[in-house]
Protein backbone atom coordinates (compact mmCIF):
# COMPACT_ATOMS: atom_id res chain seq x y z
CA MET A 1 0.00 0.00 0.00
CA LYS A 2 2.89 2.36 0.70
CA LEU A 3 4.32 1.96 -2.82
CA PRO A 4 1.27 3.40 -4.67
CA ILE A 5 1.10 6.33 -2.25
CA LEU A 6 4.82 7.05 -2.67
CA LEU A 7 4.45 6.79 -6.45
CA ILE A 8 1.57 9.28 -6.48
CA VAL A 9 3.52 11.70 -4.25
CA PHE A 10 6.63 11.39 -6.43
CA LEU A 11 4.68 11.94 -9.67
CA SER A 12 2.91 15.01 -8.28
CA ILE A 13 6.24 16.48 -7.11
CA ALA A 14 7.84 15.74 -10.48
CA TYR A 15 4.88 17.40 -12.24
CA ASP A 16 5.12 20.49 -10.02
CA VAL A 17 8.86 20.84 -10.70
CA THR A 18 8.48 20.64 -14.49
CA ALA A 19 5.31 22.74 -14.49
CA GLN A 20 7.09 25.57 -12.68
CA PHE A 21 9.39 26.39 -15.59
CA ASP A 22 8.12 29.43 -17.47
CA CYS A 23 9.16 29.08 -21.07
CA ASN A 24 7.56 32.39 -22.05
CA THR A 25 9.79 34.30 -19.63
CA LEU A 26 12.90 32.65 -21.05
CA LEU A 27 11.86 33.30 -24.66
CA ALA A 28 11.25 37.00 -23.95
CA LYS A 29 14.61 37.41 -22.19
CA GLU A 30 17.34 39.20 -24.13
CA VAL A 31 20.58 37.28 -24.67
CA ASP A 32 23.60 38.79 -22.96
CA GLN A 33 26.32 38.11 -25.52
CA ASN A 34 29.01 39.12 -23.01
CA HIS A 35 28.20 36.09 -20.84
CA PRO A 36 28.24 33.01 -23.09
CA GLU A 37 28.28 30.62 -20.12
CA GLU A 38 24.94 32.06 -18.95
CA MET A 39 23.58 31.81 -22.48
CA LEU A 40 24.52 28.11 -22.70
CA LYS A 41 22.91 27.47 -19.30
CA GLU A 42 19.69 29.15 -20.43
CA LEU A 43 19.69 27.34 -23.78
CA LYS A 44 19.60 24.00 -21.95
CA HIS A 45 16.12 25.01 -20.75
CA PHE A 46 14.89 24.73 -24.35
CA THR A 47 14.00 21.15 -23.42
CA HIS A 48 11.00 22.78 -21.68
CA CYS A 49 10.17 24.82 -24.77
CA GLY A 50 9.62 22.21 -27.48
CA LEU A 51 13.07 20.76 -28.17
CA ASP A 52 14.38 17.43 -26.96
CA SER A 53 17.77 16.81 -25.39
CA ILE A 54 19.35 15.75 -28.69
CA ASP A 55 18.24 18.97 -30.39
CA VAL A 56 19.59 21.03 -27.50
CA ARG A 57 22.95 19.25 -27.42
CA TYR A 58 23.30 19.64 -31.18
CA PHE A 59 22.37 23.32 -31.33
CA ILE A 60 24.23 24.64 -28.28
CA ASN A 61 27.49 23.66 -29.92
CA GLY A 62 29.49 26.91 -29.92
CA PRO A 63 29.78 27.52 -33.68
CA VAL A 64 26.15 26.57 -34.40
CA ILE A 65 24.57 28.76 -31.74
CA GLY A 66 27.08 31.55 -32.37
CA ALA A 67 26.08 31.71 -36.04
CA MET A 68 22.41 31.87 -35.10
CA VAL A 69 22.94 34.70 -32.60
CA ILE A 70 25.02 36.67 -35.10
CA LYS A 71 22.32 36.24 -37.77
CA VAL A 72 19.62 37.57 -35.46
CA VAL A 73 21.74 40.44 -34.10
CA ASN A 74 22.70 41.52 -37.62
CA ALA A 75 19.02 41.60 -38.57
CA LYS A 76 17.63 43.44 -35.54
CA HIS A 77 20.56 44.56 -33.34
CA SER A 78 19.41 42.51 -30.35
CA CYS A 79 18.53 38.90 -29.68
CA THR A 80 16.10 37.12 -27.38
CA TYR A 81 16.01 33.43 -26.56
CA GLY A 82 12.76 33.36 -28.55
CA ASP A 83 14.69 34.56 -31.61
CA ILE A 84 17.19 31.75 -31.14
CA LEU A 85 14.45 29.16 -30.71
CA ASN A 86 12.78 30.42 -33.90
CA GLN A 87 16.08 29.98 -35.79
CA ILE A 88 16.47 26.47 -34.38
CA MET A 89 12.91 25.55 -35.33
CA LEU A 90 13.57 26.69 -38.91
CA VAL A 91 16.56 24.34 -39.08
CA THR A 92 14.65 21.42 -37.56
CA GLU A 93 12.10 21.74 -40.37
CA MET A 94 14.75 21.37 -43.09
CA PRO A 95 14.65 18.05 -44.95
CA GLY A 96 18.18 16.96 -43.98
CA TYR A 97 17.81 17.64 -40.26
CA LYS A 98 16.00 14.38 -39.51
CA GLU A 99 18.98 12.43 -40.82
CA VAL A 100 21.41 14.60 -38.84
CA LYS A 101 19.31 14.07 -35.71
CA GLN A 102 19.23 10.29 -36.24
CA ASN A 103 23.03 10.28 -36.61
CA GLU A 104 23.38 12.37 -33.43
CA LYS A 105 21.05 10.02 -31.58
CA LYS A 106 23.09 7.01 -32.68
CA MET A 107 26.33 8.73 -31.66
CA TYR A 108 25.00 9.60 -28.18
CA THR A 109 23.96 5.98 -27.74
CA VAL A 110 27.38 4.77 -28.86
CA MET A 111 29.13 7.18 -26.47
CA ARG A 112 27.58 5.34 -23.51
CA THR A 113 28.37 1.88 -24.91
CA PRO A 114 31.34 -0.11 -23.58
CA VAL A 115 34.15 -0.54 -26.10
CA THR A 116 34.67 -4.20 -27.02
CA GLU A 117 35.85 -5.81 -30.22
CA THR A 118 32.28 -6.94 -30.91
CA ASN A 119 30.88 -3.47 -30.25
CA TRP A 120 33.63 -1.91 -32.36
CA ALA A 121 32.51 -3.91 -35.38
CA ARG A 122 28.88 -2.94 -34.71
CA ASN A 123 29.58 0.76 -34.18
CA VAL A 124 32.32 1.53 -36.67
CA ASP A 125 29.79 2.86 -39.21
CA VAL A 126 28.47 5.42 -36.66
CA LEU A 127 32.01 6.42 -35.70
CA ASN A 128 32.99 6.67 -39.36
CA LYS A 129 30.46 9.51 -39.82
CA ASN A 130 32.24 11.53 -37.12
CA PHE A 131 35.92 10.59 -37.51
CA ASP A 132 38.27 9.98 -40.41
CA ASP A 133 40.07 6.65 -40.95
CA SER A 134 43.34 7.76 -39.34
CA ASP A 135 41.54 8.85 -36.16
CA LEU A 136 39.53 5.62 -36.09
CA ASN A 137 42.66 3.52 -36.51
CA ALA A 138 44.44 5.45 -33.74
CA MET A 139 41.40 5.12 -31.43
CA HIS A 140 41.22 1.41 -32.10
CA LYS A 141 44.91 1.06 -31.28
CA LEU A 142 44.40 3.04 -28.05
CA PHE A 143 41.48 0.75 -27.17
CA VAL A 144 43.56 -2.38 -27.81
CA ASP A 145 46.50 -0.99 -25.83
CA SER A 146 44.20 0.03 -22.95
CA ALA A 147 41.72 -2.86 -23.07
CA SER A 148 41.93 -3.35 -19.30
CA ASN A 149 40.35 0.09 -18.70
CA ASN A 150 36.80 -1.02 -19.64
CA TRP A 151 36.05 2.31 -21.30
CA THR A 152 32.88 3.49 -22.96
CA TYR A 153 33.26 5.06 -26.38
CA GLY A 154 32.88 8.47 -24.74
CA GLN A 155 35.82 7.73 -22.45
CA LEU A 156 37.86 6.34 -25.33
CA ILE A 157 37.28 9.45 -27.45
CA HIS A 158 38.06 11.71 -24.48
CA ASN A 159 41.34 9.88 -23.79
CA TYR A 160 42.19 9.87 -27.49
CA ASN A 161 41.68 13.64 -27.69
CA ILE A 162 43.88 14.20 -24.63
CA ARG A 163 46.69 12.11 -26.14
CA LYS A 164 46.27 13.67 -29.56
CA LYS A 165 47.10 17.18 -28.27
């Protein structure tokens, strides 16, 4: 009997927490271009405003979001989060975006997957869309040399990037 009551309490608390976010306030807020770390923090709230986590991770990439802000500022000399969301929504409606999103989704899944020889063979096509052959070969060698580390692909790529510098 306690479990259903706890579940109801938890769900009502979770609903209250998500219901409290005011997307309209965020969208009306002007972007402070002098504080990019604040902008990135605010952009993560777009998951409450119609985007999913994959969209948000893709679009808050520095060069992508920077280009969108510059486009809006050049057109109207200021920029709100609503302006940015409108630019993002235009891109999400483009025919090629669905394929890009599917590739991003696959890559995020792979990043959490443990690296094994079997998984390498399964995931090399996803990795091949993000890395050239020389990087893939070097990552595979790093994996083989460090097989006792039990890394995920995310950890492997991170360690590869550190060693590449």
